[in-house]
Amino acid sequence: MPAPSPWWTPDIHADRRPFLMIRNRIQAAFRRFFEERDFVEVDTATLQTSPGNEAHLHAFATEAIGLDGSRAPLFLHTSPEFACKKLLAAGEPRLFCFAHVYRNRERGPLHHPEFTMLEWYRAGQSYESLMQDSATLLGLAAEVAGVSALTFRGKTVDPSLAPERLSVAEAFRRHAGIDLLATIDSSGETDRDGLAAALRAAGLRGAEDDTWSDLFSRVIVERVEPHLGHGRATILDEYPVAEAALARPSARDPRVAERFELYACGVELANAFGELTDAAEQRRRFQEEMAEKMRVYGEHYPLDEDFLAALAIMPEASGIALGFDRLVMLATGASRIDQVLWAPVPETAR
């Protein structure tokens, strides 16, 4: 069976080029958006001592070889988050970054091993300010692309409409009939057996070795996400503390955190936090995440000690990571992420 034609053949490039030109225009418009609001664009290093410390994020590993032949492990970052927060600690009050990021074990219509993350941070401002930013950028992407709606697989979003704001607890109640907060105590500790029983009552299956987090994810994927971002965007807000390793607890309810995700056309576009600045608590959460990674995958990543030290002087801030390529897909009507990437990573032989 012949191999598929590569992206650089003139006929395939001709099909992809309209998407790519719109991508360039959207990126230029986004840069103007941030510059007009006194953000500074930063360019962070791709090589890091730690690629991130979330259990289910997988990195590409490499090593640095010194002049004396010594070797030290390095990783391609999964997000510029640690570097951006160090810059907040250094005194930058508003910053944004278009970063190429790298995630292993990910490939599909919405996933690529190398993609572009747009991150921006606001020192001294609440994460609600990021909700307004996000809504404005959805509209700006559509305007630049010359469309009135964002589209994907027959689903549409009118970016002129204000996003729906929906708490995770309300989404569980509405779409699965589950009282999520009944399985979380005031310290943030979770009740695995209680959530498993709630899933069974809702007609959802779970494996015997599923953790509370596994069960939570099952409900999100099977019952909640299919209802998000139809007609207008959805802001899925107030994730449980156990599902928000880098976010601070809500002042309103310590069981949940200042974290939201943005959905449009059923596609997750962005993940935002009111940033956690307690270094000791952040270390504890990272250690828990890496213990889970070791349990599930048999590997773990080192902690970035510079990052943890920077948290001690980092100001209160909010930050968000938006999958730029995915938003371009929705604005152009592309069906696969590789259609909006200038030079996709070749698929390896199976």
C-alpha atoms as a PDB file:
ATOM      1  CA  MET A   1       0.000   0.000   0.000  1.00  0.00           C
ATOM      2  CA  PRO A   2       1.581   3.347  -1.008  1.00  0.00           C
ATOM      3  CA  ALA A   3       2.484   5.867   1.676  1.00  0.00           C
ATOM      4  CA  PRO A   4       0.308   8.992   1.840  1.00  0.00           C
ATOM      5  CA  SER A   5       1.640  11.999  -0.023  1.00  0.00           C
ATOM      6  CA  PRO A   6       3.674  14.309   2.259  1.00  0.00           C
ATOM      7  CA  TRP A   7       2.411  17.757   3.150  1.00  0.00           C
ATOM      8  CA  TRP A   8       5.090  19.479   1.047  1.00  0.00           C
ATOM      9  CA  THR A   9       3.842  18.210  -2.319  1.00  0.00           C
ATOM     10  CA  PRO A  10       2.533  21.203  -4.277  1.00  0.00           C
ATOM     11  CA  ASP A  11      -1.017  19.885  -4.672  1.00  0.00           C
ATOM     12  CA  ILE A  12      -1.460  19.153  -0.960  1.00  0.00           C
ATOM     13  CA  HIS A  13       0.156  22.458   0.012  1.00  0.00           C
ATOM     14  CA  ALA A  14      -2.230  24.283  -2.336  1.00  0.00           C
ATOM     15  CA  ASP A  15      -5.174  22.739  -0.464  1.00  0.00           C
ATOM     16  CA  ARG A  16      -3.727  23.661   2.930  1.00  0.00           C
ATOM     17  CA  ARG A  17      -2.456  27.149   2.107  1.00  0.00           C
ATOM     18  CA  PRO A  18      -5.776  29.025   2.606  1.00  0.00           C
ATOM     19  CA  PHE A  19      -5.953  27.665   6.174  1.00  0.00           C
ATOM     20  CA  LEU A  20      -2.341  28.651   6.809  1.00  0.00           C
ATOM     21  CA  MET A  21      -2.781  32.207   5.568  1.00  0.00           C
ATOM     22  CA  ILE A  22      -5.781  32.664   7.865  1.00  0.00           C
ATOM     23  CA  ARG A  23      -3.680  31.222  10.698  1.00  0.00           C
ATOM     24  CA  ASN A  24      -1.065  33.931  10.085  1.00  0.00           C
ATOM     25  CA  ARG A  25      -3.697  36.675  10.087  1.00  0.00           C
ATOM     26  CA  ILE A  26      -5.261  35.426  13.318  1.00  0.00           C
ATOM     27  CA  GLN A  27      -1.869  35.261  15.002  1.00  0.00           C
ATOM     28  CA  ALA A  28      -1.062  38.818  13.913  1.00  0.00           C
ATOM     29  CA  ALA A  29      -4.444  40.047  15.189  1.00  0.00           C
ATOM     30  CA  PHE A  30      -3.919  38.323  18.540  1.00  0.00           C
ATOM     31  CA  ARG A  31      -0.516  39.947  18.909  1.00  0.00           C
ATOM     32  CA  ARG A  32      -2.138  43.360  18.338  1.00  0.00           C
ATOM     33  CA  PHE A  33      -4.844  42.500  20.889  1.00  0.00           C
ATOM     34  CA  PHE A  34      -2.267  41.886  23.607  1.00  0.00           C
ATOM     35  CA  GLU A  35       0.049  44.725  22.674  1.00  0.00           C
ATOM     36  CA  GLU A  36      -2.874  47.190  22.791  1.00  0.00           C
ATOM     37  CA  ARG A  37      -3.476  46.049  26.382  1.00  0.00           C
ATOM     38  CA  ASP A  38       0.136  46.565  27.507  1.00  0.00           C
ATOM     39  CA  PHE A  39       1.165  42.917  27.446  1.00  0.00           C
ATOM     40  CA  VAL A  40       4.749  42.083  26.565  1.00  0.00           C
ATOM     41  CA  GLU A  41       5.468  39.106  24.329  1.00  0.00           C
ATOM     42  CA  VAL A  42       8.012  36.683  25.774  1.00  0.00           C
ATOM     43  CA  ASP A  43       9.929  33.866  24.117  1.00  0.00           C
ATOM     44  CA  THR A  44      10.637  31.021  26.525  1.00  0.00           C
ATOM     45  CA  ALA A  45      13.136  28.185  26.208  1.00  0.00           C
ATOM     46  CA  THR A  46      11.854  24.857  24.934  1.00  0.00           C
ATOM     47  CA  LEU A  47      14.428  22.800  26.858  1.00  0.00           C
ATOM     48  CA  GLN A  48      13.632  22.535  30.556  1.00  0.00           C
ATOM     49  CA  THR A  49      14.778  20.560  33.590  1.00  0.00           C
ATOM     50  CA  SER A  50      11.164  19.486  34.097  1.00  0.00           C
ATOM     51  CA  PRO A  51       8.547  19.229  31.341  1.00  0.00           C
ATOM     52  CA  GLY A  52       5.670  19.655  33.789  1.00  0.00           C
ATOM     53  CA  ASN A  53       4.349  17.522  36.626  1.00  0.00           C
ATOM     54  CA  GLU A  54       0.863  16.378  35.694  1.00  0.00           C
ATOM     55  CA  ALA A  55       0.357  12.626  35.840  1.00  0.00           C
ATOM     56  CA  HIS A  56      -1.130  12.166  32.383  1.00  0.00           C
ATOM     57  CA  LEU A  57       1.073  14.552  30.393  1.00  0.00           C
ATOM     58  CA  HIS A  58       3.890  12.788  28.547  1.00  0.00           C
ATOM     59  CA  ALA A  59       7.098  14.493  27.482  1.00  0.00           C
ATOM     60  CA  PHE A  60       9.906  14.020  24.987  1.00  0.00           C
ATOM     61  CA  ALA A  61      13.208  13.439  26.774  1.00  0.00           C
ATOM     62  CA  THR A  62      16.727  14.348  25.685  1.00  0.00           C
ATOM     63  CA  GLU A  63      19.999  15.148  27.414  1.00  0.00           C
ATOM     64  CA  ALA A  64      22.626  17.858  27.587  1.00  0.00           C
ATOM     65  CA  ILE A  65      26.248  16.768  27.022  1.00  0.00           C
ATOM     66  CA  GLY A  66      28.830  18.987  28.679  1.00  0.00           C
ATOM     67  CA  LEU A  67      32.273  19.837  27.312  1.00  0.00           C
ATOM     68  CA  ASP A  68      33.679  17.263  29.722  1.00  0.00           C
ATOM     69  CA  GLY A  69      31.323  14.586  28.411  1.00  0.00           C
ATOM     70  CA  SER A  70      29.012  14.754  31.418  1.00  0.00           C
ATOM     71  CA  ARG A  71      25.349  14.124  30.733  1.00  0.00           C
ATOM     72  CA  ALA A  72      22.258  15.678  32.291  1.00  0.00           C
ATOM     73  CA  PRO A  73      18.611  14.942  31.434  1.00  0.00           C
ATOM     74  CA  LEU A  74      16.506  17.632  29.775  1.00  0.00           C
ATOM     75  CA  PHE A  75      12.974  17.644  28.396  1.00  0.00           C
ATOM     76  CA  LEU A  76      11.036  19.469  25.704  1.00  0.00           C
ATOM     77  CA  HIS A  77       8.433  21.426  27.621  1.00  0.00           C
ATOM     78  CA  THR A  78       4.749  20.481  27.526  1.00  0.00           C
ATOM     79  CA  SER A  79       3.863  24.122  28.263  1.00  0.00           C
ATOM     80  CA  PRO A  80       5.762  27.407  28.777  1.00  0.00           C
ATOM     81  CA  GLU A  81       3.938  27.789  32.109  1.00  0.00           C
ATOM     82  CA  PHE A  82       6.879  27.386  34.480  1.00  0.00           C
ATOM     83  CA  ALA A  83       9.007  29.886  32.543  1.00  0.00           C
ATOM     84  CA  CYS A  84       6.154  32.395  32.283  1.00  0.00           C
ATOM     85  CA  LYS A  85       5.540  32.253  36.015  1.00  0.00           C
ATOM     86  CA  LYS A  86       9.230  32.816  36.685  1.00  0.00           C
ATOM     87  CA  LEU A  87       8.905  35.964  34.580  1.00  0.00           C
ATOM     88  CA  LEU A  88       5.932  37.037  36.698  1.00  0.00           C
ATOM     89  CA  ALA A  89       8.170  36.576  39.737  1.00  0.00           C
ATOM     90  CA  ALA A  90      10.839  38.649  37.966  1.00  0.00           C
ATOM     91  CA  GLY A  91       8.409  41.560  37.729  1.00  0.00           C
ATOM     92  CA  GLU A  92       6.592  41.297  34.386  1.00  0.00           C
ATOM     93  CA  PRO A  93       2.970  42.269  35.154  1.00  0.00           C
ATOM     94  CA  ARG A  94       1.333  41.190  31.862  1.00  0.00           C
ATOM     95  CA  LEU A  95       2.851  38.767  29.405  1.00  0.00           C
ATOM     96  CA  PHE A  96       1.881  36.487  26.549  1.00  0.00           C
ATOM     97  CA  CYS A  97       3.699  33.750  24.673  1.00  0.00           C
ATOM     98  CA  PHE A  98       3.183  31.804  21.446  1.00  0.00           C
ATOM     99  CA  ALA A  99       5.141  28.650  22.265  1.00  0.00           C
ATOM    100  CA  HIS A 100       5.780  25.456  20.375  1.00  0.00           C
ATOM    101  CA  VAL A 101       5.103  22.723  22.916  1.00  0.00           C
ATOM    102  CA  TYR A 102       5.608  18.974  22.788  1.00  0.00           C
ATOM    103  CA  ARG A 103       3.466  16.143  24.083  1.00  0.00           C
ATOM    104  CA  ASN A 104       4.199  12.478  23.607  1.00  0.00           C
ATOM    105  CA  ARG A 105       1.567   9.752  23.161  1.00  0.00           C
ATOM    106  CA  GLU A 106      -0.746  12.261  21.450  1.00  0.00           C
ATOM    107  CA  ARG A 107      -1.859  12.164  17.832  1.00  0.00           C
ATOM    108  CA  GLY A 108      -5.244  12.495  16.138  1.00  0.00           C
ATOM    109  CA  PRO A 109      -7.596  15.010  14.492  1.00  0.00           C
ATOM    110  CA  LEU A 110      -7.248  17.355  17.509  1.00  0.00           C
ATOM    111  CA  HIS A 111      -3.820  16.265  18.780  1.00  0.00           C
ATOM    112  CA  HIS A 112      -0.308  16.624  17.392  1.00  0.00           C
ATOM    113  CA  PRO A 113       3.051  15.860  19.051  1.00  0.00           C
ATOM    114  CA  GLU A 114       4.204  19.451  18.421  1.00  0.00           C
ATOM    115  CA  PHE A 115       1.699  22.294  18.472  1.00  0.00           C
ATOM    116  CA  THR A 116       1.354  25.970  19.371  1.00  0.00           C
ATOM    117  CA  MET A 117       0.164  27.055  22.796  1.00  0.00           C
ATOM    118  CA  LEU A 118      -0.862  30.644  23.396  1.00  0.00           C
ATOM    119  CA  GLU A 119      -0.463  31.496  27.061  1.00  0.00           C
ATOM    120  CA  TRP A 120      -1.071  34.801  28.787  1.00  0.00           C
ATOM    121  CA  TYR A 121      -0.853  35.974  32.387  1.00  0.00           C
ATOM    122  CA  ARG A 122      -2.223  38.910  34.349  1.00  0.00           C
ATOM    123  CA  ALA A 123      -0.572  39.786  37.674  1.00  0.00           C
ATOM    124  CA  GLY A 124      -2.938  41.162  40.272  1.00  0.00           C
ATOM    125  CA  GLN A 125      -6.104  40.249  38.365  1.00  0.00           C
ATOM    126  CA  SER A 126      -8.689  37.542  38.909  1.00  0.00           C
ATOM    127  CA  TYR A 127      -9.209  34.617  36.605  1.00  0.00           C
ATOM    128  CA  GLU A 128     -12.579  36.069  35.619  1.00  0.00           C
ATOM    129  CA  SER A 129     -10.600  38.604  33.549  1.00  0.00           C
ATOM    130  CA  LEU A 130      -9.376  35.670  31.442  1.00  0.00           C
ATOM    131  CA  MET A 131     -12.955  34.681  30.700  1.00  0.00           C
ATOM    132  CA  GLN A 132     -13.534  38.037  29.029  1.00  0.00           C
ATOM    133  CA  ASP A 133     -10.214  37.779  27.180  1.00  0.00           C
ATOM    134  CA  SER A 134     -11.202  34.358  25.881  1.00  0.00           C
ATOM    135  CA  ALA A 135     -14.607  35.484  24.654  1.00  0.00           C
ATOM    136  CA  THR A 136     -13.048  38.462  22.865  1.00  0.00           C
ATOM    137  CA  LEU A 137     -10.431  36.296  21.166  1.00  0.00           C
ATOM    138  CA  LEU A 138     -13.067  33.854  19.881  1.00  0.00           C
ATOM    139  CA  GLY A 139     -14.842  36.748  18.216  1.00  0.00           C
ATOM    140  CA  LEU A 140     -11.603  38.180  16.878  1.00  0.00           C
ATOM    141  CA  ALA A 141     -10.589  34.840  15.319  1.00  0.00           C
ATOM    142  CA  ALA A 142     -13.933  34.589  13.531  1.00  0.00           C
ATOM    143  CA  GLU A 143     -13.770  38.208  12.376  1.00  0.00           C
ATOM    144  CA  VAL A 144     -10.282  37.788  10.915  1.00  0.00           C
ATOM    145  CA  ALA A 145     -11.304  34.534   9.195  1.00  0.00           C
ATOM    146  CA  GLY A 146     -14.338  36.280   7.725  1.00  0.00           C
ATOM    147  CA  VAL A 147     -16.889  33.909   9.243  1.00  0.00           C
ATOM    148  CA  SER A 148     -19.891  34.431  11.498  1.00  0.00           C
ATOM    149  CA  ALA A 149     -19.558  31.108  13.319  1.00  0.00           C
ATOM    150  CA  LEU A 150     -16.892  28.723  14.554  1.00  0.00           C
ATOM    151  CA  THR A 151     -17.459  25.204  13.233  1.00  0.00           C
ATOM    152  CA  PHE A 152     -16.288  21.624  13.783  1.00  0.00           C
ATOM    153  CA  ARG A 153     -17.911  18.373  12.702  1.00  0.00           C
ATOM    154  CA  GLY A 154     -21.287  19.936  12.108  1.00  0.00           C
ATOM    155  CA  LYS A 155     -21.312  21.832  15.409  1.00  0.00           C
ATOM    156  CA  THR A 156     -21.309  25.615  15.512  1.00  0.00           C
ATOM    157  CA  VAL A 157     -20.697  28.442  17.961  1.00  0.00           C
ATOM    158  CA  ASP A 158     -21.748  32.044  17.493  1.00  0.00           C
ATOM    159  CA  PRO A 159     -18.793  33.995  18.945  1.00  0.00           C
ATOM    160  CA  SER A 160     -20.912  37.128  19.302  1.00  0.00           C
ATOM    161  CA  LEU A 161     -22.836  35.434  22.138  1.00  0.00           C
ATOM    162  CA  ALA A 162     -21.487  35.584  25.679  1.00  0.00           C
ATOM    163  CA  PRO A 163     -20.184  32.170  26.784  1.00  0.00           C
ATOM    164  CA  GLU A 164     -22.270  30.053  29.128  1.00  0.00           C
ATOM    165  CA  ARG A 165     -20.592  29.797  32.544  1.00  0.00           C
ATOM    166  CA  LEU A 166     -21.221  26.407  34.102  1.00  0.00           C
ATOM    167  CA  SER A 167     -19.678  24.942  37.250  1.00  0.00           C
ATOM    168  CA  VAL A 168     -18.374  21.386  37.104  1.00  0.00           C
ATOM    169  CA  ALA A 169     -20.709  20.432  39.960  1.00  0.00           C
ATOM    170  CA  GLU A 170     -23.731  21.782  38.089  1.00  0.00           C
ATOM    171  CA  ALA A 171     -22.605  20.019  34.897  1.00  0.00           C
ATOM    172  CA  PHE A 172     -22.423  16.699  36.786  1.00  0.00           C
ATOM    173  CA  ARG A 173     -25.884  17.271  38.222  1.00  0.00           C
ATOM    174  CA  ARG A 174     -27.418  18.389  34.947  1.00  0.00           C
ATOM    175  CA  HIS A 175     -25.893  15.841  32.585  1.00  0.00           C
ATOM    176  CA  ALA A 176     -25.232  12.809  34.797  1.00  0.00           C
ATOM    177  CA  GLY A 177     -27.509  13.228  37.829  1.00  0.00           C
ATOM    178  CA  ILE A 178     -24.461  13.037  40.127  1.00  0.00           C
ATOM    179  CA  ASP A 179     -23.842  15.139  43.255  1.00  0.00           C
ATOM    180  CA  LEU A 180     -20.111  15.586  42.760  1.00  0.00           C
ATOM    181  CA  LEU A 181     -19.474  17.785  45.793  1.00  0.00           C
ATOM    182  CA  ALA A 182     -20.937  15.102  48.070  1.00  0.00           C
ATOM    183  CA  THR A 183     -17.798  13.066  47.277  1.00  0.00           C
ATOM    184  CA  ILE A 184     -15.364  15.838  48.323  1.00  0.00           C
ATOM    185  CA  ASP A 185     -14.795  17.012  51.901  1.00  0.00           C
ATOM    186  CA  SER A 186     -13.832  20.501  53.069  1.00  0.00           C
ATOM    187  CA  SER A 187     -10.106  19.671  52.904  1.00  0.00           C
ATOM    188  CA  GLY A 188     -10.396  18.618  49.277  1.00  0.00           C
ATOM    189  CA  GLU A 189     -10.082  14.902  50.056  1.00  0.00           C
ATOM    190  CA  THR A 190     -12.145  12.725  47.742  1.00  0.00           C
ATOM    191  CA  ASP A 191     -14.405   9.728  48.354  1.00  0.00           C
ATOM    192  CA  ARG A 192     -13.662   7.183  45.646  1.00  0.00           C
ATOM    193  CA  ASP A 193     -16.290   4.656  46.702  1.00  0.00           C
ATOM    194  CA  GLY A 194     -18.947   7.332  46.959  1.00  0.00           C
ATOM    195  CA  LEU A 195     -18.285   8.511  43.412  1.00  0.00           C
ATOM    196  CA  ALA A 196     -18.186   4.915  42.132  1.00  0.00           C
ATOM    197  CA  ALA A 197     -21.631   4.307  43.631  1.00  0.00           C
ATOM    198  CA  ALA A 198     -22.933   7.499  42.020  1.00  0.00           C
ATOM    199  CA  LEU A 199     -21.616   6.376  38.629  1.00  0.00           C
ATOM    200  CA  ARG A 200     -23.344   3.007  38.956  1.00  0.00           C
ATOM    201  CA  ALA A 201     -26.608   4.739  39.822  1.00  0.00           C
ATOM    202  CA  ALA A 202     -26.178   6.906  36.721  1.00  0.00           C
ATOM    203  CA  GLY A 203     -25.633   3.849  34.506  1.00  0.00           C
ATOM    204  CA  LEU A 204     -21.912   4.429  34.005  1.00  0.00           C
ATOM    205  CA  ARG A 205     -19.329   1.691  34.293  1.00  0.00           C
ATOM    206  CA  GLY A 206     -16.039   1.936  36.132  1.00  0.00           C
ATOM    207  CA  ALA A 207     -13.178  -0.498  36.620  1.00  0.00           C
ATOM    208  CA  GLU A 208     -12.343  -1.890  40.044  1.00  0.00           C
ATOM    209  CA  ASP A 209      -8.959  -0.188  40.038  1.00  0.00           C
ATOM    210  CA  ASP A 210     -10.295   3.202  38.903  1.00  0.00           C
ATOM    211  CA  THR A 211      -9.281   6.055  41.189  1.00  0.00           C
ATOM    212  CA  TRP A 212     -11.596   8.941  42.052  1.00  0.00           C
ATOM    213  CA  SER A 213      -9.811  10.927  39.330  1.00  0.00           C
ATOM    214  CA  ASP A 214     -10.401   8.152  36.776  1.00  0.00           C
ATOM    215  CA  LEU A 215     -14.106   8.110  37.616  1.00  0.00           C
ATOM    216  CA  PHE A 216     -14.299  11.901  37.448  1.00  0.00           C
ATOM    217  CA  SER A 217     -12.714  11.850  33.980  1.00  0.00           C
ATOM    218  CA  ARG A 218     -15.125   9.167  32.802  1.00  0.00           C
ATOM    219  CA  VAL A 219     -18.120  11.351  33.650  1.00  0.00           C
ATOM    220  CA  ILE A 220     -16.529  14.407  32.031  1.00  0.00           C
ATOM    221  CA  VAL A 221     -15.790  12.552  28.788  1.00  0.00           C
ATOM    222  CA  GLU A 222     -18.972  10.477  28.518  1.00  0.00           C
ATOM    223  CA  ARG A 223     -21.665  12.717  29.959  1.00  0.00           C
ATOM    224  CA  VAL A 224     -20.433  16.322  30.221  1.00  0.00           C
ATOM    225  CA  GLU A 225     -18.179  17.207  27.276  1.00  0.00           C
ATOM    226  CA  PRO A 226     -20.694  16.153  24.586  1.00  0.00           C
ATOM    227  CA  HIS A 227     -22.971  18.991  25.787  1.00  0.00           C
ATOM    228  CA  LEU A 228     -20.395  21.781  25.914  1.00  0.00           C
ATOM    229  CA  GLY A 229     -19.900  24.606  23.452  1.00  0.00           C
ATOM    230  CA  HIS A 230     -22.986  24.243  21.252  1.00  0.00           C
ATOM    231  CA  GLY A 231     -24.485  27.438  19.880  1.00  0.00           C
ATOM    232  CA  ARG A 232     -22.287  29.474  22.163  1.00  0.00           C
ATOM    233  CA  ALA A 233     -19.024  28.777  23.968  1.00  0.00           C
ATOM    234  CA  THR A 234     -19.020  27.174  27.417  1.00  0.00           C
ATOM    235  CA  ILE A 235     -16.800  28.093  30.352  1.00  0.00           C
ATOM    236  CA  LEU A 236     -16.645  24.996  32.561  1.00  0.00           C
ATOM    237  CA  ASP A 237     -15.684  26.463  35.919  1.00  0.00           C
ATOM    238  CA  GLU A 238     -14.748  25.493  39.502  1.00  0.00           C
ATOM    239  CA  TYR A 239     -12.984  22.177  39.056  1.00  0.00           C
ATOM    240  CA  PRO A 240     -12.458  20.082  42.196  1.00  0.00           C
ATOM    241  CA  VAL A 241      -9.182  20.928  43.948  1.00  0.00           C
ATOM    242  CA  ALA A 242      -7.998  17.377  43.234  1.00  0.00           C
ATOM    243  CA  GLU A 243      -8.272  18.160  39.501  1.00  0.00           C
ATOM    244  CA  ALA A 244      -6.469  21.507  39.593  1.00  0.00           C
ATOM    245  CA  ALA A 245      -2.849  20.907  40.557  1.00  0.00           C
ATOM    246  CA  LEU A 246      -1.683  24.446  39.723  1.00  0.00           C
ATOM    247  CA  ALA A 247      -4.749  26.453  40.794  1.00  0.00           C
ATOM    248  CA  ARG A 248      -5.597  28.038  44.136  1.00  0.00           C
ATOM    249  CA  PRO A 249      -8.690  26.944  46.082  1.00  0.00           C
ATOM    250  CA  SER A 250     -11.821  29.035  45.674  1.00  0.00           C
ATOM    251  CA  ALA A 251     -12.533  31.528  48.453  1.00  0.00           C
ATOM    252  CA  ARG A 252     -16.204  30.599  48.052  1.00  0.00           C
ATOM    253  CA  ASP A 253     -15.813  26.832  48.514  1.00  0.00           C
ATOM    254  CA  PRO A 254     -12.527  25.107  49.488  1.00  0.00           C
ATOM    255  CA  ARG A 255     -13.638  21.915  47.728  1.00  0.00           C
ATOM    256  CA  VAL A 256     -13.194  23.553  44.339  1.00  0.00           C
ATOM    257  CA  ALA A 257     -10.463  25.569  42.673  1.00  0.00           C
ATOM    258  CA  GLU A 258     -10.179  28.668  40.515  1.00  0.00           C
ATOM    259  CA  ARG A 259      -9.883  26.698  37.301  1.00  0.00           C
ATOM    260  CA  PHE A 260     -11.940  26.847  34.138  1.00  0.00           C
ATOM    261  CA  GLU A 261     -11.804  25.251  30.708  1.00  0.00           C
ATOM    262  CA  LEU A 262     -13.173  26.880  27.549  1.00  0.00           C
ATOM    263  CA  TYR A 263     -15.146  24.771  25.058  1.00  0.00           C
ATOM    264  CA  ALA A 264     -16.443  25.614  21.589  1.00  0.00           C
ATOM    265  CA  CYS A 265     -18.110  23.172  19.175  1.00  0.00           C
ATOM    266  CA  GLY A 266     -17.465  20.407  21.690  1.00  0.00           C
ATOM    267  CA  VAL A 267     -13.706  21.076  21.520  1.00  0.00           C
ATOM    268  CA  GLU A 268     -11.639  21.952  24.576  1.00  0.00           C
ATOM    269  CA  LEU A 269      -9.757  25.130  23.665  1.00  0.00           C
ATOM    270  CA  ALA A 270      -8.240  26.537  26.850  1.00  0.00           C
ATOM    271  CA  ASN A 271      -7.385  25.824  30.481  1.00  0.00           C
ATOM    272  CA  ALA A 272      -7.141  28.682  32.992  1.00  0.00           C
ATOM    273  CA  PHE A 273      -6.180  29.149  36.638  1.00  0.00           C
ATOM    274  CA  GLY A 274      -6.210  31.568  39.460  1.00  0.00           C
ATOM    275  CA  GLU A 275      -2.577  30.691  40.096  1.00  0.00           C
ATOM    276  CA  LEU A 276      -1.423  28.823  43.178  1.00  0.00           C
ATOM    277  CA  THR A 277       1.506  30.657  44.818  1.00  0.00           C
ATOM    278  CA  ASP A 278       2.003  28.474  47.905  1.00  0.00           C
ATOM    279  CA  ALA A 279       5.301  26.702  47.156  1.00  0.00           C
ATOM    280  CA  ALA A 280       4.907  24.051  49.855  1.00  0.00           C
ATOM    281  CA  GLU A 281       1.415  23.154  48.681  1.00  0.00           C
ATOM    282  CA  GLN A 282       2.565  23.155  45.054  1.00  0.00           C
ATOM    283  CA  ARG A 283       5.408  20.768  45.907  1.00  0.00           C
ATOM    284  CA  ARG A 284       2.985  18.439  47.688  1.00  0.00           C
ATOM    285  CA  ARG A 285       0.624  18.409  44.711  1.00  0.00           C
ATOM    286  CA  PHE A 286       3.448  17.775  42.251  1.00  0.00           C
ATOM    287  CA  GLN A 287       4.716  14.886  44.362  1.00  0.00           C
ATOM    288  CA  GLU A 288       1.231  13.372  44.390  1.00  0.00           C
ATOM    289  CA  GLU A 289       0.968  13.764  40.616  1.00  0.00           C
ATOM    290  CA  MET A 290       4.351  12.115  40.061  1.00  0.00           C
ATOM    291  CA  ALA A 291       3.465   9.252  42.403  1.00  0.00           C
ATOM    292  CA  GLU A 292       0.354   8.653  40.314  1.00  0.00           C
ATOM    293  CA  LYS A 293       2.401   8.838  37.108  1.00  0.00           C
ATOM    294  CA  MET A 294       4.790   6.230  38.474  1.00  0.00           C
ATOM    295  CA  ARG A 295       1.866   4.000  39.485  1.00  0.00           C
ATOM    296  CA  VAL A 296       0.176   4.182  36.088  1.00  0.00           C
ATOM    297  CA  TYR A 297       3.075   4.557  33.642  1.00  0.00           C
ATOM    298  CA  GLY A 298       6.167   3.441  35.559  1.00  0.00           C
ATOM    299  CA  GLU A 299       7.964   6.772  35.152  1.00  0.00           C
ATOM    300  CA  HIS A 300       8.084  10.238  36.644  1.00  0.00           C
ATOM    301  CA  TYR A 301       9.659  13.637  35.948  1.00  0.00           C
ATOM    302  CA  PRO A 302      11.853  15.753  38.224  1.00  0.00           C
ATOM    303  CA  LEU A 303      10.510  18.865  39.925  1.00  0.00           C
ATOM    304  CA  ASP A 304      11.696  22.273  38.737  1.00  0.00           C
ATOM    305  CA  GLU A 305      13.226  23.623  41.930  1.00  0.00           C
ATOM    306  CA  ASP A 306      13.729  27.055  40.356  1.00  0.00           C
ATOM    307  CA  PHE A 307       9.996  27.209  39.678  1.00  0.00           C
ATOM    308  CA  LEU A 308       9.113  26.292  43.246  1.00  0.00           C
ATOM    309  CA  ALA A 309      11.571  28.913  44.539  1.00  0.00           C
ATOM    310  CA  ALA A 310      10.060  31.552  42.223  1.00  0.00           C
ATOM    311  CA  LEU A 311       6.579  30.939  43.654  1.00  0.00           C
ATOM    312  CA  ALA A 312       7.786  32.463  46.935  1.00  0.00           C
ATOM    313  CA  ILE A 313       8.012  35.890  45.275  1.00  0.00           C
ATOM    314  CA  MET A 314       5.472  35.493  42.484  1.00  0.00           C
ATOM    315  CA  PRO A 315       2.545  37.929  42.812  1.00  0.00           C
ATOM    316  CA  GLU A 316      -1.078  36.854  42.831  1.00  0.00           C
ATOM    317  CA  ALA A 317      -1.940  36.249  39.187  1.00  0.00           C
ATOM    318  CA  SER A 318      -4.202  34.504  36.720  1.00  0.00           C
ATOM    319  CA  GLY A 319      -3.038  32.581  33.667  1.00  0.00           C
ATOM    320  CA  ILE A 320      -4.426  30.645  30.732  1.00  0.00           C
ATOM    321  CA  ALA A 321      -3.209  28.252  28.040  1.00  0.00           C
ATOM    322  CA  LEU A 322      -5.112  28.192  24.738  1.00  0.00           C
ATOM    323  CA  GLY A 323      -4.579  25.625  21.985  1.00  0.00           C
ATOM    324  CA  PHE A 324      -3.981  28.082  19.162  1.00  0.00           C
ATOM    325  CA  ASP A 325      -4.103  25.497  16.363  1.00  0.00           C
ATOM    326  CA  ARG A 326      -7.478  24.211  17.566  1.00  0.00           C
ATOM    327  CA  LEU A 327      -8.967  27.685  17.502  1.00  0.00           C
ATOM    328  CA  VAL A 328      -7.619  28.182  13.978  1.00  0.00           C
ATOM    329  CA  MET A 329      -9.315  24.902  13.009  1.00  0.00           C
ATOM    330  CA  LEU A 330     -12.667  26.169  14.255  1.00  0.00           C
ATOM    331  CA  ALA A 331     -12.250  29.532  12.510  1.00  0.00           C
ATOM    332  CA  THR A 332     -11.250  27.985   9.155  1.00  0.00           C
ATOM    333  CA  GLY A 333     -13.514  24.929   9.193  1.00  0.00           C
ATOM    334  CA  ALA A 334     -10.543  22.554   9.057  1.00  0.00           C
ATOM    335  CA  SER A 335     -11.270  18.972  10.100  1.00  0.00           C
ATOM    336  CA  ARG A 336      -7.758  17.967  11.246  1.00  0.00           C
ATOM    337  CA  ILE A 337      -5.070  19.812  13.142  1.00  0.00           C
ATOM    338  CA  ASP A 338      -2.385  19.014  10.566  1.00  0.00           C
ATOM    339  CA  GLN A 339      -4.317  21.131   8.037  1.00  0.00           C
ATOM    340  CA  VAL A 340      -3.479  24.291  10.019  1.00  0.00           C
ATOM    341  CA  LEU A 341       0.169  23.472  10.822  1.00  0.00           C
ATOM    342  CA  TRP A 342       2.781  24.863   8.437  1.00  0.00           C
ATOM    343  CA  ALA A 343       5.012  21.785   8.724  1.00  0.00           C
ATOM    344  CA  PRO A 344       3.385  18.794  10.465  1.00  0.00           C
ATOM    345  CA  VAL A 345       5.524  16.206  12.224  1.00  0.00           C
ATOM    346  CA  PRO A 346       5.710  13.021  10.077  1.00  0.00           C
ATOM    347  CA  GLU A 347       3.910  10.007  11.447  1.00  0.00           C
ATOM    348  CA  THR A 348       6.219   7.230  12.569  1.00  0.00           C
ATOM    349  CA  ALA A 349       5.795   3.737  11.158  1.00  0.00           C
ATOM    350  CA  ARG A 350       3.596   1.494  13.259  1.00  0.00           C
END
